[in-house]
N, C-alpha and C. Protein backbone atom coordinates (compact mmCIF):
# COMPACT_ATOMS: atom_id res chain seq x y z
N MET A 1 11.84 24.34 -33.41
CA MET A 1 10.82 24.31 -32.38
C MET A 1 9.68 23.41 -32.84
N SER A 2 9.09 22.65 -31.93
CA SER A 2 8.01 21.74 -32.29
C SER A 2 6.71 22.51 -32.46
N ASP A 3 5.68 21.79 -32.86
CA ASP A 3 4.38 22.41 -33.09
C ASP A 3 3.62 22.68 -31.80
N GLU A 4 4.12 22.18 -30.64
CA GLU A 4 3.37 22.39 -29.41
C GLU A 4 3.45 23.85 -28.99
N ALA A 5 2.39 24.33 -28.36
CA ALA A 5 2.31 25.73 -27.95
C ALA A 5 3.31 25.98 -26.84
N ARG A 6 3.98 27.11 -26.92
CA ARG A 6 4.94 27.51 -25.90
C ARG A 6 4.44 28.83 -25.31
N ILE A 7 4.32 28.87 -24.00
CA ILE A 7 3.76 30.03 -23.33
C ILE A 7 4.75 30.49 -22.27
N ALA A 8 5.06 31.78 -22.25
CA ALA A 8 5.91 32.34 -21.21
C ALA A 8 5.02 32.78 -20.06
N THR A 9 5.25 32.21 -18.88
CA THR A 9 4.50 32.58 -17.69
C THR A 9 5.49 32.86 -16.58
N PRO A 10 5.07 33.55 -15.53
CA PRO A 10 5.99 33.78 -14.42
C PRO A 10 6.54 32.46 -13.91
N GLY A 11 7.85 32.41 -13.70
CA GLY A 11 8.47 31.20 -13.18
C GLY A 11 8.90 30.23 -14.25
N THR A 12 8.62 30.51 -15.54
CA THR A 12 9.08 29.64 -16.62
C THR A 12 9.89 30.46 -17.59
N ALA A 13 10.85 29.85 -18.24
CA ALA A 13 11.67 30.53 -19.22
C ALA A 13 10.89 30.67 -20.52
N GLU A 14 11.21 31.71 -21.25
CA GLU A 14 10.58 31.94 -22.55
C GLU A 14 10.78 30.72 -23.45
N GLY A 15 9.71 30.25 -24.04
CA GLY A 15 9.83 29.13 -24.96
C GLY A 15 9.77 27.77 -24.31
N GLN A 16 9.71 27.68 -22.98
CA GLN A 16 9.62 26.39 -22.29
C GLN A 16 8.16 25.98 -22.22
N PRO A 17 7.87 24.68 -22.41
CA PRO A 17 6.46 24.25 -22.34
C PRO A 17 5.93 24.42 -20.93
N GLN A 18 4.70 24.86 -20.85
CA GLN A 18 4.05 25.05 -19.56
C GLN A 18 3.45 23.71 -19.13
N ALA A 19 3.52 23.42 -17.84
CA ALA A 19 2.93 22.18 -17.32
C ALA A 19 1.42 22.20 -17.57
N PRO A 20 0.86 21.05 -17.93
CA PRO A 20 -0.59 21.02 -18.15
C PRO A 20 -1.32 21.30 -16.84
N PRO A 21 -2.49 21.92 -16.93
CA PRO A 21 -3.23 22.21 -15.69
C PRO A 21 -3.63 20.92 -14.98
N GLN A 22 -3.60 20.97 -13.65
CA GLN A 22 -3.97 19.82 -12.83
C GLN A 22 -5.49 19.66 -12.87
N ALA A 23 -5.94 18.42 -12.99
CA ALA A 23 -7.37 18.14 -12.94
C ALA A 23 -7.85 18.36 -11.51
N PRO A 24 -9.05 18.88 -11.33
CA PRO A 24 -9.54 19.08 -9.96
C PRO A 24 -9.69 17.73 -9.26
N ALA A 25 -9.42 17.73 -7.96
CA ALA A 25 -9.53 16.50 -7.17
C ALA A 25 -10.98 16.03 -7.15
N VAL A 26 -11.17 14.76 -7.38
CA VAL A 26 -12.51 14.19 -7.35
C VAL A 26 -12.89 13.96 -5.89
N GLN A 27 -14.05 14.44 -5.51
CA GLN A 27 -14.50 14.27 -4.15
C GLN A 27 -15.74 13.39 -4.15
N PHE A 28 -15.81 12.49 -3.19
CA PHE A 28 -16.97 11.62 -3.07
C PHE A 28 -17.20 11.36 -1.60
N THR A 29 -18.40 10.92 -1.27
CA THR A 29 -18.73 10.64 0.11
C THR A 29 -18.66 9.14 0.36
N VAL A 30 -18.35 8.79 1.59
CA VAL A 30 -18.33 7.39 2.00
C VAL A 30 -19.20 7.24 3.24
N ASP A 31 -19.78 6.08 3.40
CA ASP A 31 -20.61 5.78 4.58
C ASP A 31 -19.87 4.72 5.39
N ALA A 32 -19.32 5.10 6.53
CA ALA A 32 -18.56 4.18 7.37
C ALA A 32 -19.39 3.68 8.55
N ALA A 33 -20.70 3.84 8.49
CA ALA A 33 -21.56 3.47 9.62
C ALA A 33 -21.47 1.99 9.97
N GLY A 34 -21.38 1.11 8.99
CA GLY A 34 -21.35 -0.32 9.27
C GLY A 34 -19.95 -0.92 9.28
N MET A 35 -18.92 -0.08 9.24
CA MET A 35 -17.55 -0.57 9.14
C MET A 35 -17.06 -1.09 10.49
N SER A 36 -16.32 -2.18 10.45
CA SER A 36 -15.68 -2.68 11.65
C SER A 36 -14.17 -2.65 11.44
N SER A 37 -13.44 -2.53 12.51
CA SER A 37 -11.98 -2.49 12.45
C SER A 37 -11.42 -3.68 13.19
N GLY A 38 -10.26 -4.11 12.79
CA GLY A 38 -9.59 -5.21 13.46
C GLY A 38 -8.09 -5.09 13.28
N TYR A 39 -7.35 -5.81 14.07
CA TYR A 39 -5.90 -5.82 13.98
C TYR A 39 -5.46 -7.12 13.32
N THR A 40 -4.45 -7.06 12.49
CA THR A 40 -3.91 -8.26 11.87
C THR A 40 -2.40 -8.22 11.89
N ASN A 41 -1.78 -9.37 12.10
CA ASN A 41 -0.33 -9.48 11.99
C ASN A 41 0.04 -10.67 11.11
N TRP A 42 -0.95 -11.18 10.38
CA TRP A 42 -0.74 -12.33 9.50
C TRP A 42 -1.67 -12.17 8.30
N TYR A 43 -1.19 -12.60 7.14
CA TYR A 43 -2.03 -12.54 5.93
C TYR A 43 -1.68 -13.71 5.02
N ARG A 44 -2.61 -13.98 4.11
CA ARG A 44 -2.40 -14.99 3.07
C ARG A 44 -3.02 -14.43 1.79
N VAL A 45 -2.29 -14.56 0.69
CA VAL A 45 -2.77 -14.09 -0.61
C VAL A 45 -2.98 -15.30 -1.49
N THR A 46 -4.19 -15.48 -1.97
CA THR A 46 -4.52 -16.53 -2.92
C THR A 46 -5.39 -15.90 -4.00
N GLY A 47 -5.92 -16.70 -4.88
CA GLY A 47 -6.79 -16.11 -5.88
C GLY A 47 -7.20 -17.06 -6.96
N THR A 48 -7.91 -16.49 -7.90
CA THR A 48 -8.39 -17.19 -9.09
C THR A 48 -7.90 -16.37 -10.28
N PRO A 49 -8.13 -16.82 -11.49
CA PRO A 49 -7.73 -16.00 -12.64
C PRO A 49 -8.42 -14.63 -12.68
N GLU A 50 -9.57 -14.50 -12.03
CA GLU A 50 -10.31 -13.24 -12.06
C GLU A 50 -10.16 -12.39 -10.81
N GLU A 51 -9.79 -12.99 -9.66
CA GLU A 51 -9.84 -12.25 -8.40
C GLU A 51 -8.63 -12.57 -7.52
N VAL A 52 -8.32 -11.61 -6.66
CA VAL A 52 -7.31 -11.79 -5.61
C VAL A 52 -8.07 -11.96 -4.30
N ILE A 53 -7.64 -12.92 -3.50
CA ILE A 53 -8.27 -13.17 -2.21
C ILE A 53 -7.24 -12.91 -1.12
N LEU A 54 -7.56 -12.00 -0.22
CA LEU A 54 -6.68 -11.67 0.90
C LEU A 54 -7.34 -12.13 2.18
N ASP A 55 -6.68 -13.03 2.91
CA ASP A 55 -7.15 -13.45 4.23
C ASP A 55 -6.27 -12.80 5.28
N PHE A 56 -6.89 -12.28 6.32
CA PHE A 56 -6.16 -11.64 7.41
C PHE A 56 -6.48 -12.36 8.70
N GLY A 57 -5.51 -12.40 9.59
CA GLY A 57 -5.73 -13.08 10.85
C GLY A 57 -4.77 -12.64 11.92
N LEU A 58 -4.82 -13.35 13.04
CA LEU A 58 -3.99 -13.03 14.19
C LEU A 58 -3.17 -14.24 14.57
N ASN A 59 -1.85 -14.08 14.53
CA ASN A 59 -0.92 -15.10 14.99
C ASN A 59 -0.48 -14.68 16.39
N ALA A 60 -1.05 -15.32 17.38
CA ALA A 60 -0.75 -14.96 18.77
C ALA A 60 0.69 -15.30 19.15
N GLN A 61 1.36 -16.14 18.37
CA GLN A 61 2.73 -16.55 18.67
C GLN A 61 3.68 -15.93 17.65
N MET A 62 3.58 -14.64 17.45
CA MET A 62 4.37 -13.95 16.43
C MET A 62 5.85 -14.23 16.61
N GLY A 63 6.53 -14.49 15.50
CA GLY A 63 7.97 -14.73 15.55
C GLY A 63 8.33 -16.18 15.79
N GLN A 64 7.36 -17.04 15.98
CA GLN A 64 7.61 -18.45 16.20
C GLN A 64 6.83 -19.25 15.16
N MET A 65 7.18 -20.50 15.06
CA MET A 65 6.37 -21.40 14.24
C MET A 65 5.13 -21.69 15.08
N PRO A 66 3.96 -21.26 14.65
CA PRO A 66 2.77 -21.39 15.52
C PRO A 66 2.41 -22.84 15.79
N THR A 67 2.08 -23.09 17.05
CA THR A 67 1.59 -24.42 17.45
C THR A 67 0.07 -24.41 17.52
N GLU A 68 -0.51 -23.23 17.55
CA GLU A 68 -1.97 -23.08 17.53
C GLU A 68 -2.39 -22.59 16.15
N ALA A 69 -3.61 -22.87 15.78
CA ALA A 69 -4.14 -22.39 14.51
C ALA A 69 -4.20 -20.86 14.51
N ILE A 70 -3.87 -20.27 13.39
CA ILE A 70 -3.99 -18.82 13.23
C ILE A 70 -5.46 -18.52 13.00
N LYS A 71 -6.01 -17.62 13.80
CA LYS A 71 -7.44 -17.30 13.69
C LYS A 71 -7.64 -16.28 12.59
N LEU A 72 -8.31 -16.70 11.51
CA LEU A 72 -8.64 -15.77 10.43
C LEU A 72 -9.81 -14.89 10.86
N THR A 73 -9.67 -13.60 10.58
CA THR A 73 -10.69 -12.65 11.02
C THR A 73 -11.39 -11.93 9.88
N HIS A 74 -10.70 -11.75 8.75
CA HIS A 74 -11.29 -11.01 7.64
C HIS A 74 -10.83 -11.62 6.32
N ARG A 75 -11.71 -11.55 5.33
CA ARG A 75 -11.36 -11.95 3.96
C ARG A 75 -11.82 -10.81 3.05
N VAL A 76 -10.92 -10.40 2.16
CA VAL A 76 -11.23 -9.37 1.17
C VAL A 76 -11.00 -9.99 -0.20
N VAL A 77 -12.01 -9.90 -1.06
CA VAL A 77 -11.92 -10.41 -2.42
C VAL A 77 -12.05 -9.21 -3.35
N MET A 78 -11.12 -9.10 -4.30
CA MET A 78 -11.16 -7.98 -5.24
C MET A 78 -10.65 -8.42 -6.60
N ASN A 79 -10.97 -7.64 -7.62
CA ASN A 79 -10.45 -7.94 -8.95
C ASN A 79 -9.00 -7.44 -9.03
N PHE A 80 -8.30 -7.85 -10.07
CA PHE A 80 -6.88 -7.51 -10.19
C PHE A 80 -6.65 -6.03 -10.45
N TRP A 81 -7.60 -5.33 -11.06
CA TRP A 81 -7.45 -3.90 -11.27
C TRP A 81 -7.46 -3.17 -9.93
N THR A 82 -8.39 -3.54 -9.07
CA THR A 82 -8.45 -2.94 -7.74
C THR A 82 -7.21 -3.32 -6.94
N ALA A 83 -6.77 -4.57 -7.07
CA ALA A 83 -5.57 -5.02 -6.35
C ALA A 83 -4.34 -4.21 -6.77
N LYS A 84 -4.24 -3.90 -8.05
CA LYS A 84 -3.09 -3.13 -8.52
C LYS A 84 -3.14 -1.70 -7.99
N ARG A 85 -4.33 -1.12 -7.94
CA ARG A 85 -4.45 0.23 -7.37
C ARG A 85 -4.13 0.20 -5.88
N LEU A 86 -4.57 -0.84 -5.18
CA LEU A 86 -4.25 -0.99 -3.76
C LEU A 86 -2.74 -1.14 -3.56
N LEU A 87 -2.09 -1.94 -4.41
CA LEU A 87 -0.64 -2.11 -4.34
C LEU A 87 0.07 -0.76 -4.45
N GLY A 88 -0.36 0.06 -5.39
CA GLY A 88 0.24 1.38 -5.55
C GLY A 88 0.02 2.27 -4.34
N ALA A 89 -1.19 2.24 -3.79
CA ALA A 89 -1.50 3.07 -2.62
C ALA A 89 -0.71 2.61 -1.39
N LEU A 90 -0.60 1.30 -1.19
CA LEU A 90 0.18 0.79 -0.06
C LEU A 90 1.66 1.10 -0.23
N SER A 91 2.17 0.95 -1.45
CA SER A 91 3.57 1.27 -1.71
C SER A 91 3.86 2.73 -1.41
N PHE A 92 2.97 3.61 -1.85
CA PHE A 92 3.13 5.04 -1.58
C PHE A 92 3.12 5.31 -0.08
N ALA A 93 2.18 4.69 0.64
CA ALA A 93 2.07 4.92 2.09
C ALA A 93 3.31 4.44 2.83
N VAL A 94 3.86 3.27 2.45
CA VAL A 94 5.06 2.76 3.12
C VAL A 94 6.27 3.63 2.79
N GLN A 95 6.41 4.05 1.54
CA GLN A 95 7.52 4.92 1.16
C GLN A 95 7.48 6.23 1.93
N ARG A 96 6.31 6.81 2.06
CA ARG A 96 6.17 8.07 2.80
C ARG A 96 6.52 7.86 4.27
N HIS A 97 6.07 6.74 4.86
CA HIS A 97 6.39 6.43 6.25
C HIS A 97 7.91 6.30 6.43
N GLU A 98 8.56 5.58 5.51
CA GLU A 98 10.00 5.38 5.61
C GLU A 98 10.77 6.68 5.42
N GLN A 99 10.27 7.60 4.62
CA GLN A 99 10.92 8.90 4.47
C GLN A 99 10.95 9.66 5.79
N PHE A 100 9.89 9.56 6.55
CA PHE A 100 9.80 10.29 7.81
C PHE A 100 10.45 9.55 8.98
N PHE A 101 10.33 8.22 9.03
CA PHE A 101 10.72 7.47 10.21
C PHE A 101 11.86 6.48 9.99
N GLY A 102 12.34 6.32 8.77
CA GLY A 102 13.42 5.38 8.49
C GLY A 102 12.90 4.10 7.88
N VAL A 103 13.85 3.33 7.34
CA VAL A 103 13.52 2.10 6.63
C VAL A 103 12.93 1.07 7.58
N LEU A 104 11.89 0.40 7.13
CA LEU A 104 11.26 -0.67 7.91
C LEU A 104 11.96 -1.99 7.58
N GLU A 105 12.54 -2.62 8.57
CA GLU A 105 13.19 -3.92 8.40
C GLU A 105 12.15 -5.00 8.60
N VAL A 106 11.93 -5.83 7.59
CA VAL A 106 10.92 -6.88 7.70
C VAL A 106 11.49 -8.18 8.24
N ASP A 107 12.81 -8.33 8.27
CA ASP A 107 13.44 -9.52 8.83
C ASP A 107 13.45 -9.38 10.35
N VAL A 108 12.68 -10.22 11.03
CA VAL A 108 12.53 -10.13 12.49
C VAL A 108 13.87 -10.29 13.19
N ALA A 109 14.73 -11.19 12.70
CA ALA A 109 16.03 -11.42 13.33
C ALA A 109 16.89 -10.16 13.27
N LYS A 110 16.90 -9.48 12.14
CA LYS A 110 17.68 -8.24 12.02
C LYS A 110 17.08 -7.14 12.90
N ARG A 111 15.76 -7.10 12.98
CA ARG A 111 15.09 -6.08 13.80
C ARG A 111 15.36 -6.30 15.27
N ALA A 112 15.51 -7.56 15.67
CA ALA A 112 15.72 -7.89 17.09
C ALA A 112 17.18 -7.76 17.50
N GLY A 113 18.05 -7.37 16.58
CA GLY A 113 19.44 -7.16 16.93
C GLY A 113 20.37 -8.29 16.54
N GLY A 114 20.02 -9.01 15.53
CA GLY A 114 20.91 -10.06 15.02
C GLY A 114 20.50 -11.42 15.51
N GLY A 115 21.38 -12.37 15.37
CA GLY A 115 21.08 -13.73 15.75
C GLY A 115 20.49 -14.48 14.59
N PRO A 116 20.38 -15.79 14.72
CA PRO A 116 19.84 -16.59 13.62
C PRO A 116 18.35 -16.32 13.41
N PRO A 117 17.89 -16.41 12.18
CA PRO A 117 16.46 -16.22 11.92
C PRO A 117 15.64 -17.27 12.64
N LEU A 118 14.46 -16.85 13.11
CA LEU A 118 13.56 -17.77 13.81
C LEU A 118 12.67 -18.48 12.80
N GLY A 119 12.31 -19.71 13.13
CA GLY A 119 11.37 -20.44 12.28
C GLY A 119 12.07 -21.08 11.17
């Protein structure tokens, strides 16, 4: 047996390590008074060695090679640590959505029922 403490509790076998206690959830307040919302169906990811730059916009001709300029509506600049946390949160949200509603197909041609890819 190792040097770690072994505690018998209801629901655990004698001699099995007990799960460490969960840290209490951190609660904080946010002020959404000045927040604006928008819809996006287009994005661009660029950056510098220190920051990730996310541009969001609206492609009115979705599914086609646009003949009009895509109107950029929002830019978010963040450091790579924040970007990595955002990546994890988005990944978790998409996985949870797919568990409930099924896999999201990102290929427009497959989603539309076959045929050659557009663009």
